[in-house]
Every structure is written in C-alpha cells, then in structure tokens.
Amino acid sequence: MNAPLSHYYIYTGHNSYLTGNQLSSDCSDKPIIDALKKGVRVIELDIWPNSDKDDVHVLHGRTLTAPVELIKCLRSIKEYAFVASEYPVVITLEDHLTADLQAKVAEMVTQTFGDVLFSPGPECLKEFPSPESLKKRVIISTKPPKEYLQAKETTEKEVDSQKGKAGDEEAWGKEVPDLREDILKDDDDEDDEDEDEDDEDDSAHGDKPHKNAAPEYKRLIAIHAGKPKGGLDDCLKVDPDKVRRLSLSEQQLEKAVVTHAKEIVRFTQRNLLRIYPKGTRITSSNYNPLIGWSHGAQMVAFNMQGYGRSLWLMQGMYRANGGCGYIKKPDFLLKSGPLNDLFDPNAPLPVKTTLKVTVYMGEGWHDEFDSTHFDLYSPPDFYARVGIAGVPADKVMKKTKTLEDNWIPAWNEEFKFPLTVPELALLRIEVHEYDMSEKDDFGGQTCLPVSELRSGIRMVPLHDRKGEKYKFVKLLMRFEFSDSSTEGSEGATTFK
C-alpha cells in the first residue's frame, strides 16, 4: 500500500447522496453511510446554493427532490469514513457555488474534519501520496475554480440537454453488456448527455465578469480535477511536473478506447481517471466496469443504490485486498514493455493459466426461505451458472444441468476457464430456480476475484440481489489452477 494513489483501483460511488433513482429519489446522508460501511472510498456530493443563496445544500441538479444539508453529509462522512477501512476517503465535489459560499464550504470542511483533512496547498501535487501515508485522512477533489457561472445558467443547460432523451436501456438484472457493444452508436447525442462536473473545460467562459474563487476553498483541493480545452490528445497529455484527475463518461470512454487505448493506459500510470455513468441511467443502473479497469481507470464510479450484474462485479472486485477499498493495479498497467509498448486488453494474448471450477452441491435455501418461495407445490429445480468476467478473450458463462425437486442440489460438474489475463478476471457464480411458465427465480449470486482464489475445496457463501450475504445459502466448490508451462491439450494440463 506504499505506491502512489494512481497505482490502485479505488472503490468509487456516483451521486452518493441519492436513495434510489436519479430523478425523483430523496437526497440523504443514509446512502453515504451505507456506502462507507461497505468500504466505498470515493463519495460524490453535488453542492448548490439554497433558495436564499446564503447556505449550501447537497442536491442533484436534475431532480425535483428536497436537498440535504451539506454539513449533515460531512458529519456523517467523518463518523463512518473509517469503519470499514482505514485507508483514505476522497470526497469529489460537483460545485455550483458563488465565491462567498465556497468560503463557507471551506469553513464547514475545515471545522468538520480538522487534522483529518489532507490539504497540501493550492498547487497541483507533483506525485500522489500512497494510501498507507494517507491512512485515516479525508481528501477533497474538484476543479480549482477560476470563475463562477450562475447556477441558473448551468441548470438551464442541463435541463435543455436532457430534452427528448430516451430512458435507460440496461434495466436492473439484465446481463452485463459486451465490452465494445454499440461503441459508436448515437454519436450526436452522447456529448449532450454527458453533463457531469468535469464536462466543462477549465478555460474561461466567455468575456463575462466573474468573482474570484475563495482562496481558502482552493487550498482545500488536494486532487485537482478538470478537462483541458481541446480533444482527447490534450486531455490525456501527461505532465511530468504535476498530477491531476480527469473524468470521462462511460460513453466517452467506450469511444476513447477505440482510438486512444494506449494513451489512456499511459495517462493512468501517473494520473487519476474517473469514469461516471451516462446521464440517461435514470434508474441508477450501471455499466460494465471492466472497460475502465482494463485500461487503468482508478475511479470507476457506480450508482450504489440499485442492483444488477454490473454492481455484482463491482462488489466482487472490492472483496479483494481484505475489502479495504484499494486494490493494486496489475504491473502490466503500471509499466511500459521492453519496446516502450503498453498493455492492450483487446490484443490477442497467450493463455497464462487455466482455472478449473467444480460445483459439487448447494445448501441452505430451505433454512433461508419458506417452503413455497420457489414453487407452491414441489421442491425447487436449481441450476448454477458459472463464468468469467474479464478482458474480452476471457469472458464466458457456462451452466450446470437443472436438478428437479431438490432443496440440496448435487450437480458435481466441472468447468475449465483458460485465462489470458487472470489479474483482471472475476469468477461469476449464480444460482437460479427453473420455472417453466414464468421467469426463472433468483437463488443467489457471488463474484470473486480470481487473483484471490486458492486451490482446494471451499464453502462459498452466496448473496442476494443487492449484495447482502445470505445467512445459510452456500455452495460447496473446488478451485484448481494449471501451470502455465503445461498448457496445451486438455489431457496434458496438470492441475494442483
């Protein structure tokens, strides 16, 4: 944990104060508390003036919900920041304030966190500190404000940009989308949808006079954010004398990895890259996090309010490293090769190792649920799905046979998964109950980092749709890895 922050994946939330959907759910500090208890290390707050412009509220710019007081959110962060992990908490601010209110925020933050706050000064850091050196510290990240635009202007722009937009296409519970699916679809609409805090560049907005930023507010900002004026080439330039944070929407990233994949990897070796959900994810659904992770993005920001397979991957990823919210990136994303080449997740690669998974049996449903939960008149018909989420070459999903009328299914089936990039692979496990006339019933899920698996027979607990662990439901499984040196024909592979 002694490398710079840029060398780690960081458990990151998006619109952390919303209790549900992105349009009409309440603003509250409760989802912030829940996220921190689960080990989330990056909390996002949208801060706006109140109606009298004399105080600061946390409120989503597109919602009609009542705001929550900023001071309440800050106090909750202080109380719960280090319950699940001692490693630093980053607060990303989407700022819509006048200079005098920025000064008020600076006072609130300083009084709330005191010595816990990491404030290196108004200048950009030359290199990020390590998570170890920042234990039990709180870090502020936002754009260093050079001028102020009326919040009304920003609000009108956001409202106009959303007119006529379609609803979310990935409902909760649907399959994780393909990595490169529809990358170039709807090019004309994408820029209008991506109205996050860093979508505006850092240059001056026209010739209007603006108030100077409050200096005490500027000094709080430890991680400078912003999007330089210009195209991707300018955004991804690496400055040897300072480090910063860049934000891209999921759609911008999908397009960028087609043309600038290696530049993104190089940028994230020193700088932080944050990815956020597109604006049309009204239901608080999420996207495929592997696109960002496989290109070195540290802050893949997720809506934690819902559920679905994308969120299961996020929860599974951060079970690694003791659940502390920081995971060291693989070495191939941190270094250049012998010919100054960089990792390309879409390039054909040799198999490094093969994971063999045996699913013996499952138990606990009869204790977890009532006897009619799955079928009214007979015991359930369970089957398991086992697969890999990772780089495109490794992604696969397989299925056991369905066992009829059995509360304790014994499948005794094995599956082999050749892995080209095991460092980025996640083992996906789901159990469903077959229903001939309706949609199959959900029976449990879990997602495990392959890098954390150890050979042997294991009892694997399953979780519900929201990621909460069941009390009784478990699978008996066996994990085995082959030697890379013995890869070849199936008969020649030696497992241990």
Protein backbone atom coordinates (compact mmCIF):
# COMPACT_ATOMS: atom_id res chain seq x y z
CA MET A 1 0.00 0.00 0.00
CA ASN A 2 3.03 2.29 -0.36
CA ALA A 3 2.74 3.10 -4.07
CA PRO A 4 1.09 6.35 -5.32
CA LEU A 5 -2.72 6.51 -5.35
CA SER A 6 -2.65 6.30 -9.15
CA HIS A 7 -1.40 2.68 -8.84
CA TYR A 8 -4.67 1.50 -7.26
CA TYR A 9 -8.24 0.80 -8.21
CA ILE A 10 -10.37 2.78 -5.75
CA TYR A 11 -13.92 1.82 -4.72
CA THR A 12 -15.90 4.78 -6.11
CA GLY A 13 -19.51 5.91 -5.76
CA HIS A 14 -21.55 8.16 -8.04
CA ASN A 15 -24.19 10.62 -6.74
CA SER A 16 -23.59 9.06 -3.35
CA TYR A 17 -26.39 11.02 -1.63
CA LEU A 18 -29.32 9.67 -3.70
CA THR A 19 -31.50 6.99 -2.11
CA GLY A 20 -32.82 5.50 -5.37
CA ASN A 21 -33.34 6.62 -8.95
CA GLN A 22 -31.61 9.64 -10.45
CA LEU A 23 -34.76 11.71 -10.96
CA SER A 24 -37.17 11.53 -8.05
CA SER A 25 -35.47 9.75 -5.15
CA ASP A 26 -34.67 11.54 -1.90
CA CYS A 27 -31.33 13.14 -1.07
CA SER A 28 -29.98 11.85 2.22
CA ASP A 29 -26.82 11.05 4.14
CA LYS A 30 -28.05 7.46 4.67
CA PRO A 31 -26.77 6.08 1.31
CA ILE A 32 -23.44 7.79 2.06
CA ILE A 33 -23.26 5.96 5.39
CA ASP A 34 -24.24 2.65 3.76
CA ALA A 35 -21.57 3.06 1.09
CA LEU A 36 -18.84 3.84 3.63
CA LYS A 37 -19.85 0.82 5.72
CA LYS A 38 -19.34 -1.34 2.63
CA GLY A 39 -15.85 0.04 2.05
CA VAL A 40 -16.54 2.64 -0.66
CA ARG A 41 -13.64 5.13 -0.61
CA VAL A 42 -14.84 7.87 -3.00
CA ILE A 43 -18.01 9.81 -2.15
CA GLU A 44 -19.53 12.30 -4.61
CA LEU A 45 -21.50 15.35 -3.47
CA ASP A 46 -23.28 17.91 -5.69
CA ILE A 47 -23.31 21.21 -3.82
CA TRP A 48 -25.72 24.05 -4.67
CA PRO A 49 -26.85 27.33 -3.09
CA ASN A 50 -30.15 27.23 -1.23
CA SER A 51 -33.06 29.36 -2.42
CA ASP A 52 -31.82 32.37 -0.43
CA LYS A 53 -28.24 31.84 -1.69
CA ASP A 54 -26.93 32.10 1.86
CA ASP A 55 -26.25 28.42 2.59
CA VAL A 56 -25.12 25.23 0.82
CA HIS A 57 -27.17 22.13 0.12
CA VAL A 58 -26.43 18.75 -1.43
CA LEU A 59 -28.83 18.23 -4.32
CA HIS A 60 -28.86 16.56 -7.74
CA GLY A 61 -29.12 19.22 -10.45
CA ARG A 62 -31.71 17.23 -12.45
CA THR A 63 -34.01 16.10 -9.65
CA LEU A 64 -37.06 17.59 -8.02
CA THR A 65 -36.19 16.14 -4.63
CA ALA A 66 -35.63 18.06 -1.42
CA PRO A 67 -31.97 18.81 -0.64
CA VAL A 68 -29.98 17.62 2.35
CA GLU A 69 -27.74 19.92 4.33
CA LEU A 70 -24.07 19.76 3.36
CA ILE A 71 -22.95 19.88 6.98
CA LYS A 72 -25.04 16.78 7.73
CA CYS A 73 -23.34 14.85 4.91
CA LEU A 74 -19.88 15.98 6.03
CA ARG A 75 -20.52 14.93 9.63
CA SER A 76 -21.75 11.52 8.51
CA ILE A 77 -18.66 11.05 6.36
CA LYS A 78 -16.45 11.92 9.34
CA GLU A 79 -18.28 9.46 11.61
CA TYR A 80 -18.31 6.50 9.20
CA ALA A 81 -15.29 7.14 6.96
CA PHE A 82 -13.03 4.57 8.58
CA VAL A 83 -15.50 1.99 9.92
CA ALA A 84 -14.77 -0.48 7.10
CA SER A 85 -11.27 0.62 6.13
CA GLU A 86 -8.50 2.84 7.50
CA TYR A 87 -7.44 3.93 4.02
CA PRO A 88 -8.26 7.44 2.76
CA VAL A 89 -11.68 8.68 1.75
CA VAL A 90 -11.88 11.01 -1.26
CA ILE A 91 -14.78 13.48 -1.49
CA THR A 92 -15.41 14.60 -5.08
CA LEU A 93 -17.39 17.84 -5.22
CA GLU A 94 -19.57 19.00 -8.10
CA ASP A 95 -19.52 22.71 -7.28
CA HIS A 96 -22.24 25.19 -8.32
CA LEU A 97 -21.39 27.91 -5.78
CA THR A 98 -20.52 31.58 -5.62
CA ALA A 99 -17.18 32.61 -4.13
CA ASP A 100 -18.71 33.57 -0.79
CA LEU A 101 -20.41 30.19 -0.48
CA GLN A 102 -17.17 28.46 -1.47
CA ALA A 103 -15.61 30.22 1.52
CA LYS A 104 -18.46 28.92 3.68
CA VAL A 105 -17.85 25.37 2.41
CA ALA A 106 -14.17 25.74 3.23
CA GLU A 107 -15.09 26.69 6.78
CA MET A 108 -17.51 23.74 7.11
CA VAL A 109 -14.99 21.24 5.77
CA THR A 110 -12.14 22.57 7.92
CA GLN A 111 -14.19 22.62 11.12
CA THR A 112 -15.69 19.17 10.46
CA PHE A 113 -12.52 17.27 9.58
CA GLY A 114 -9.77 19.29 11.25
CA ASP A 115 -6.45 17.47 11.21
CA VAL A 116 -8.03 14.52 9.37
CA LEU A 117 -8.15 16.66 6.20
CA PHE A 118 -5.24 16.29 3.79
CA SER A 119 -4.52 19.78 2.39
CA PRO A 120 -1.19 20.10 0.58
CA GLY A 121 -1.91 23.66 -0.62
CA PRO A 122 -3.30 25.37 -3.71
CA GLU A 123 -0.75 24.00 -6.19
CA CYS A 124 -1.05 20.67 -8.02
CA LEU A 125 0.74 17.70 -6.49
CA LYS A 126 3.83 16.52 -8.37
CA GLU A 127 3.00 12.93 -7.42
CA PHE A 128 0.16 11.36 -5.50
CA PRO A 129 0.90 10.13 -1.97
CA SER A 130 0.34 6.47 -1.08
CA PRO A 131 -2.75 5.03 0.61
CA GLU A 132 -0.52 3.98 3.52
CA SER A 133 0.69 7.55 4.10
CA LEU A 134 -2.91 8.81 3.96
CA LYS A 135 -4.45 6.39 6.44
CA LYS A 136 -7.46 7.92 8.22
CA ARG A 137 -7.26 11.07 6.08
CA VAL A 138 -10.01 12.76 4.05
CA ILE A 139 -9.13 14.23 0.64
CA ILE A 140 -11.07 16.82 -1.37
CA SER A 141 -11.12 16.59 -5.16
CA THR A 142 -12.79 19.05 -7.53
CA LYS A 143 -11.93 21.59 -10.22
CA PRO A 144 -9.94 24.54 -8.83
CA PRO A 145 -12.45 27.30 -9.62
CA LYS A 146 -11.14 30.25 -11.63
CA GLU A 147 -14.53 31.89 -12.04
CA TYR A 148 -18.19 31.43 -11.24
CA LEU A 149 -21.13 30.91 -13.60
CA GLN A 150 -24.64 31.48 -12.27
CA ALA A 151 -26.14 28.19 -11.09
CA LYS A 152 -29.26 29.12 -13.07
CA GLU A 153 -27.29 29.06 -16.33
CA THR A 154 -25.85 25.64 -15.53
CA THR A 155 -29.25 24.28 -14.56
CA GLU A 156 -30.85 25.53 -17.78
CA LYS A 157 -28.08 23.93 -19.83
CA GLU A 158 -28.56 20.59 -18.07
CA VAL A 159 -32.34 20.67 -18.47
CA ASP A 160 -32.09 21.54 -22.18
CA SER A 161 -29.57 18.77 -22.77
CA GLN A 162 -31.96 16.17 -21.38
CA LYS A 163 -34.98 17.06 -23.53
CA GLY A 164 -36.07 14.15 -25.64
CA LYS A 165 -33.56 11.68 -24.22
CA ALA A 166 -34.51 8.04 -24.06
CA GLY A 167 -34.72 6.03 -20.87
CA ASP A 168 -32.11 3.60 -19.65
CA GLU A 169 -31.57 0.57 -21.86
CA GLU A 170 -29.99 -1.64 -19.19
CA ALA A 171 -32.66 -2.47 -16.64
CA TRP A 172 -31.63 -3.93 -13.32
CA GLY A 173 -30.87 -7.63 -13.53
CA LYS A 174 -30.03 -7.73 -17.23
CA GLU A 175 -26.78 -9.22 -18.47
CA VAL A 176 -23.58 -7.17 -18.39
CA PRO A 177 -23.22 -5.62 -21.87
CA ASP A 178 -20.41 -6.57 -24.21
CA LEU A 179 -17.24 -4.54 -23.81
CA ARG A 180 -17.33 -2.92 -27.24
CA GLU A 181 -21.05 -3.13 -27.98
CA ASP A 182 -22.51 -0.09 -29.72
CA ILE A 183 -19.34 1.96 -29.15
CA LEU A 184 -20.03 4.34 -31.99
CA LYS A 185 -23.82 4.39 -31.65
CA ASP A 186 -25.63 7.71 -31.37
CA ASP A 187 -22.50 9.87 -31.67
CA ASP A 188 -24.51 13.08 -31.99
CA ASP A 189 -26.38 12.51 -28.72
CA GLU A 190 -23.53 11.46 -26.46
CA ASP A 191 -21.91 14.81 -25.85
CA ASP A 192 -25.27 16.33 -24.90
CA GLU A 193 -25.98 13.59 -22.36
CA ASP A 194 -22.69 13.76 -20.50
CA GLU A 195 -23.35 16.68 -18.19
CA ASP A 196 -21.14 15.72 -15.26
CA GLU A 197 -18.98 18.13 -13.32
CA ASP A 198 -15.87 17.74 -15.47
CA ASP A 199 -17.63 18.03 -18.81
CA GLU A 200 -16.83 21.74 -18.86
CA ASP A 201 -13.23 22.64 -19.54
CA ASP A 202 -11.09 24.78 -17.26
CA SER A 203 -10.86 27.72 -19.65
CA ALA A 204 -12.72 31.00 -19.10
CA HIS A 205 -16.42 31.10 -20.05
CA GLY A 206 -16.67 33.99 -22.47
CA ASP A 207 -15.99 37.59 -21.52
CA LYS A 208 -18.45 37.90 -18.60
CA PRO A 209 -17.01 39.27 -15.36
CA HIS A 210 -16.78 36.63 -12.60
CA LYS A 211 -15.86 36.65 -8.97
CA ASN A 212 -12.51 35.19 -7.98
CA ALA A 213 -12.60 31.90 -6.13
CA ALA A 214 -12.27 31.93 -2.36
CA PRO A 215 -8.57 31.21 -1.63
CA GLU A 216 -9.36 29.16 1.49
CA TYR A 217 -11.60 26.91 -0.64
CA LYS A 218 -8.92 26.47 -3.28
CA ARG A 219 -6.39 25.41 -0.63
CA LEU A 220 -8.65 22.51 0.39
CA ILE A 221 -8.41 20.85 -3.02
CA ALA A 222 -5.76 18.15 -2.84
CA ILE A 223 -6.61 16.33 -6.08
CA HIS A 224 -7.13 18.83 -8.89
CA ALA A 225 -9.74 17.85 -11.46
CA GLY A 226 -10.69 19.27 -14.83
CA LYS A 227 -10.80 18.67 -18.54
CA PRO A 228 -8.32 20.71 -20.62
CA LYS A 229 -9.72 22.57 -23.60
CA GLY A 230 -9.25 20.52 -26.75
CA GLY A 231 -9.65 16.92 -27.80
CA LEU A 232 -8.61 13.61 -26.29
CA ASP A 233 -4.96 14.18 -27.14
CA ASP A 234 -4.92 17.24 -24.89
CA CYS A 235 -6.95 15.55 -22.14
CA LEU A 236 -4.56 12.60 -21.98
CA LYS A 237 -1.30 14.54 -22.01
CA VAL A 238 0.98 13.52 -19.15
CA ASP A 239 2.65 16.42 -17.34
CA PRO A 240 5.92 15.29 -15.69
CA ASP A 241 5.66 18.09 -13.11
CA LYS A 242 2.12 17.58 -11.81
CA VAL A 243 -0.66 15.04 -11.47
CA ARG A 244 -4.43 15.52 -11.80
CA ARG A 245 -7.79 13.81 -12.16
CA LEU A 246 -9.70 13.54 -15.44
CA SER A 247 -13.35 12.47 -15.73
CA LEU A 248 -14.96 10.77 -18.72
CA SER A 249 -18.47 9.40 -19.13
CA GLU A 250 -18.91 5.71 -19.87
CA GLN A 251 -19.74 6.60 -23.49
CA GLN A 252 -16.73 8.86 -23.87
CA LEU A 253 -14.54 6.05 -22.53
CA GLU A 254 -16.03 3.48 -24.92
CA LYS A 255 -15.18 5.73 -27.85
CA ALA A 256 -11.78 6.69 -26.46
CA VAL A 257 -10.55 3.11 -26.03
CA VAL A 258 -11.02 2.52 -29.75
CA THR A 259 -8.67 5.32 -30.78
CA HIS A 260 -6.58 6.13 -27.67
CA ALA A 261 -6.34 2.88 -25.67
CA LYS A 262 -2.59 3.06 -25.05
CA GLU A 263 -2.69 6.78 -24.29
CA ILE A 264 -5.31 6.09 -21.59
CA VAL A 265 -3.11 3.40 -20.04
CA ARG A 266 -0.11 5.76 -20.09
CA PHE A 267 -2.16 8.60 -18.56
CA THR A 268 -3.38 6.41 -15.68
CA GLN A 269 0.14 5.36 -14.74
CA ARG A 270 0.60 8.79 -13.07
CA ASN A 271 -2.81 10.46 -13.11
CA LEU A 272 -6.29 9.51 -11.91
CA LEU A 273 -9.09 8.70 -14.36
CA ARG A 274 -12.68 8.74 -13.16
CA ILE A 275 -15.48 7.15 -15.22
CA TYR A 276 -19.10 8.05 -14.48
CA PRO A 277 -22.48 6.69 -15.68
CA LYS A 278 -24.18 8.39 -18.60
CA GLY A 279 -26.98 10.82 -17.83
CA THR A 280 -29.79 8.61 -19.11
CA ARG A 281 -29.30 5.96 -16.41
CA ILE A 282 -32.38 7.29 -14.63
CA THR A 283 -32.98 4.02 -12.75
CA SER A 284 -29.49 4.15 -11.19
CA SER A 285 -28.35 1.21 -13.29
CA ASN A 286 -24.67 0.75 -14.11
CA TYR A 287 -22.30 -0.15 -16.94
CA ASN A 288 -19.52 -2.68 -17.49
CA PRO A 289 -16.64 -1.71 -15.17
CA LEU A 290 -14.10 -3.93 -16.95
CA ILE A 291 -13.68 -1.39 -19.75
CA GLY A 292 -12.31 1.17 -17.31
CA TRP A 293 -10.33 -1.28 -15.17
CA SER A 294 -8.61 -2.93 -18.13
CA HIS A 295 -7.38 0.49 -19.28
CA GLY A 296 -6.11 1.53 -15.86
CA ALA A 297 -9.00 3.77 -14.71
CA GLN A 298 -8.82 4.02 -10.92
CA MET A 299 -12.21 5.59 -10.14
CA VAL A 300 -14.91 3.62 -11.95
CA ALA A 301 -17.88 5.42 -10.35
CA PHE A 302 -21.02 3.38 -9.75
CA ASN A 303 -24.56 4.04 -8.57
CA MET A 304 -24.70 2.00 -5.36
CA GLN A 305 -28.47 2.44 -4.88
CA GLY A 306 -29.69 -0.33 -7.18
CA TYR A 307 -28.66 -3.84 -8.06
CA GLY A 308 -27.79 -5.94 -11.10
CA ARG A 309 -24.89 -7.85 -12.57
CA SER A 310 -22.71 -4.80 -13.14
CA LEU A 311 -22.93 -3.90 -9.45
CA TRP A 312 -22.24 -7.53 -8.51
CA LEU A 313 -18.97 -7.26 -10.43
CA MET A 314 -18.08 -4.07 -8.57
CA GLN A 315 -18.86 -5.65 -5.20
CA GLY A 316 -16.87 -8.75 -6.14
CA MET A 317 -13.85 -6.79 -7.31
CA TYR A 318 -13.54 -4.99 -3.97
CA ARG A 319 -13.71 -8.16 -1.92
CA ALA A 320 -10.02 -8.33 -2.80
CA ASN A 321 -7.25 -6.98 -0.55
CA GLY A 322 -9.26 -7.50 2.61
CA GLY A 323 -12.13 -5.31 1.43
CA CYS A 324 -10.16 -2.13 2.21
CA GLY A 325 -11.41 -0.30 -0.91
CA TYR A 326 -7.98 -0.10 -2.61
CA ILE A 327 -6.60 -2.75 -4.98
CA LYS A 328 -3.17 -2.55 -6.56
CA LYS A 329 -3.36 -2.48 -10.34
CA PRO A 330 -1.52 -5.24 -12.24
CA ASP A 331 2.12 -4.47 -13.08
CA PHE A 332 1.42 -4.50 -16.83
CA LEU A 333 -0.82 -1.43 -16.39
CA LEU A 334 1.87 0.40 -14.42
CA LYS A 335 4.91 -0.14 -16.62
CA SER A 336 5.86 0.00 -20.28
CA GLY A 337 7.21 -3.07 -22.03
CA PRO A 338 10.77 -3.54 -23.34
CA LEU A 339 9.87 -1.73 -26.58
CA ASN A 340 8.01 1.03 -24.70
CA ASP A 341 4.78 -0.79 -25.58
CA LEU A 342 1.69 -0.62 -23.37
CA PHE A 343 -0.98 -3.16 -22.44
CA ASP A 344 -3.86 -3.54 -24.88
CA PRO A 345 -6.77 -5.58 -23.43
CA ASN A 346 -8.15 -6.27 -26.91
CA ALA A 347 -4.90 -7.67 -28.32
CA PRO A 348 -4.63 -11.47 -28.69
CA LEU A 349 -2.66 -12.89 -25.76
CA PRO A 350 -1.49 -16.38 -24.80
CA VAL A 351 -3.22 -18.30 -22.01
CA LYS A 352 -1.42 -17.70 -18.70
CA THR A 353 -3.30 -20.16 -16.56
CA THR A 354 -6.42 -22.31 -16.56
CA LEU A 355 -8.91 -22.26 -13.71
CA LYS A 356 -10.89 -25.45 -13.13
CA VAL A 357 -14.06 -24.96 -11.08
CA THR A 358 -16.02 -27.91 -9.71
CA VAL A 359 -19.53 -27.23 -8.42
CA TYR A 360 -20.36 -30.06 -6.05
CA MET A 361 -23.58 -29.06 -4.28
CA GLY A 362 -25.57 -26.29 -2.65
CA GLU A 363 -27.48 -25.98 0.60
CA GLY A 364 -29.28 -23.53 2.86
CA TRP A 365 -32.27 -22.45 0.76
CA HIS A 366 -34.70 -24.43 2.91
CA ASP A 367 -33.46 -22.55 6.00
CA GLU A 368 -33.31 -19.15 4.24
CA PHE A 369 -36.75 -19.19 2.57
CA ASP A 370 -40.19 -20.61 3.31
CA SER A 371 -41.20 -23.86 1.61
CA THR A 372 -43.33 -22.13 -1.07
CA HIS A 373 -40.83 -19.38 -2.00
CA PHE A 374 -39.79 -21.01 -5.30
CA ASP A 375 -42.67 -23.43 -6.08
CA LEU A 376 -46.04 -23.74 -4.40
CA TYR A 377 -46.41 -27.48 -4.68
CA SER A 378 -42.94 -29.01 -5.12
CA PRO A 379 -39.30 -28.53 -4.10
CA PRO A 380 -37.25 -26.18 -6.29
CA ASP A 381 -35.44 -27.03 -9.53
CA PHE A 382 -32.00 -25.42 -9.15
CA TYR A 383 -29.24 -24.85 -11.69
CA ALA A 384 -25.98 -22.91 -11.37
CA ARG A 385 -24.28 -20.53 -13.77
CA VAL A 386 -20.50 -20.22 -13.55
CA GLY A 387 -18.33 -17.96 -15.68
CA ILE A 388 -15.66 -15.32 -16.03
CA ALA A 389 -15.86 -11.54 -16.38
CA GLY A 390 -12.64 -10.00 -17.64
CA VAL A 391 -10.93 -8.96 -20.84
CA PRO A 392 -12.92 -9.89 -23.98
CA ALA A 393 -10.92 -13.07 -24.64
CA ASP A 394 -11.65 -14.45 -21.16
CA LYS A 395 -15.34 -13.59 -20.87
CA VAL A 396 -17.61 -16.65 -20.79
CA MET A 397 -20.63 -18.05 -18.93
CA LYS A 398 -21.50 -21.75 -18.50
CA LYS A 399 -24.39 -23.63 -16.90
CA THR A 400 -24.95 -26.83 -14.96
CA LYS A 401 -27.83 -29.20 -15.53
CA THR A 402 -31.11 -28.46 -13.77
CA LEU A 403 -31.88 -30.77 -10.83
CA GLU A 404 -35.59 -31.20 -10.26
CA ASP A 405 -37.36 -31.20 -6.91
CA ASN A 406 -34.35 -30.90 -4.64
CA TRP A 407 -33.62 -28.41 -1.84
CA ILE A 408 -30.00 -29.66 -1.66
CA PRO A 409 -28.87 -29.96 -5.31
CA ALA A 410 -25.74 -32.03 -6.01
CA TRP A 411 -24.58 -31.11 -9.52
CA ASN A 412 -21.00 -32.49 -9.38
CA GLU A 413 -19.98 -30.70 -12.57
CA GLU A 414 -16.65 -29.15 -13.50
CA PHE A 415 -15.76 -26.29 -15.84
CA LYS A 416 -12.43 -25.14 -17.24
CA PHE A 417 -11.64 -21.49 -17.93
CA PRO A 418 -8.44 -20.67 -19.88
CA LEU A 419 -7.37 -17.17 -18.81
CA THR A 420 -5.17 -14.77 -20.75
CA VAL A 421 -5.33 -12.01 -18.13
CA PRO A 422 -6.15 -13.69 -14.79
CA GLU A 423 -5.17 -10.49 -12.94
CA LEU A 424 -8.36 -8.81 -14.23
CA ALA A 425 -10.63 -11.87 -14.12
CA LEU A 426 -13.63 -12.24 -11.82
CA LEU A 427 -15.34 -15.57 -11.20
CA ARG A 428 -19.11 -15.15 -11.52
CA ILE A 429 -21.44 -17.57 -9.76
CA GLU A 430 -25.22 -17.52 -9.83
CA VAL A 431 -27.95 -19.98 -8.83
CA HIS A 432 -31.43 -19.85 -10.32
CA GLU A 433 -34.57 -21.93 -9.96
CA TYR A 434 -36.04 -23.10 -13.26
CA ASP A 435 -39.62 -22.08 -13.90
CA MET A 436 -41.27 -23.48 -17.00
CA SER A 437 -44.10 -20.97 -17.26
CA GLU A 438 -42.53 -17.78 -15.87
CA LYS A 439 -39.15 -16.11 -15.44
CA ASP A 440 -36.66 -18.24 -13.51
CA ASP A 441 -36.41 -17.37 -9.82
CA PHE A 442 -33.24 -15.92 -8.35
CA GLY A 443 -31.43 -18.18 -5.88
CA GLY A 444 -28.23 -16.32 -5.06
CA GLN A 445 -25.02 -14.92 -6.51
CA THR A 446 -21.44 -14.04 -5.75
CA CYS A 447 -18.46 -12.67 -7.63
CA LEU A 448 -14.88 -13.48 -6.62
CA PRO A 449 -11.54 -12.04 -7.84
CA VAL A 450 -9.62 -14.89 -9.46
CA SER A 451 -6.38 -13.46 -8.05
CA GLU A 452 -7.72 -14.12 -4.53
CA LEU A 453 -8.80 -17.73 -5.11
CA ARG A 454 -6.73 -20.52 -3.59
CA SER A 455 -6.69 -24.13 -4.72
CA GLY A 456 -8.82 -26.52 -2.72
CA ILE A 457 -12.35 -27.32 -1.66
CA ARG A 458 -14.22 -24.28 -0.42
CA MET A 459 -17.64 -23.44 1.02
CA VAL A 460 -18.71 -20.33 -0.92
CA PRO A 461 -21.45 -18.11 0.60
CA LEU A 462 -23.99 -16.58 -1.78
CA HIS A 463 -25.52 -13.11 -1.69
CA ASP A 464 -28.91 -11.63 -2.55
CA ARG A 465 -29.61 -9.27 -5.45
CA LYS A 466 -28.39 -6.24 -3.50
CA GLY A 467 -25.16 -7.92 -2.44
CA GLU A 468 -26.12 -8.78 1.14
CA LYS A 469 -24.79 -12.16 2.25
CA TYR A 470 -27.36 -14.87 2.93
CA LYS A 471 -27.23 -16.45 6.37
CA PHE A 472 -27.43 -20.05 5.20
CA VAL A 473 -27.12 -20.37 1.41
CA LYS A 474 -23.73 -21.77 0.32
CA LEU A 475 -22.12 -23.78 -2.45
CA LEU A 476 -19.51 -26.50 -1.99
CA MET A 477 -16.89 -25.94 -4.72
CA ARG A 478 -13.35 -26.81 -5.69
CA PHE A 479 -10.84 -24.46 -7.36
CA GLU A 480 -7.73 -25.67 -9.18
CA PHE A 481 -5.14 -23.83 -11.28
CA SER A 482 -2.94 -25.26 -14.02
CA ASP A 483 0.72 -24.47 -14.53
CA SER A 484 1.19 -22.10 -17.48
CA SER A 485 4.12 -24.25 -18.57
CA THR A 486 1.86 -27.27 -19.02
CA GLU A 487 -0.83 -25.57 -21.09
CA GLY A 488 -1.67 -27.28 -24.31
CA SER A 489 -4.02 -30.16 -24.89
CA GLU A 490 -6.60 -30.75 -22.18
CA GLY A 491 -5.16 -34.14 -21.36
CA ALA A 492 -1.72 -32.70 -20.75
CA THR A 493 -2.78 -29.97 -18.34
CA THR A 494 -1.69 -30.58 -14.77
CA PHE A 495 -3.91 -29.09 -12.06
CA LYS A 496 -2.89 -28.51 -8.48
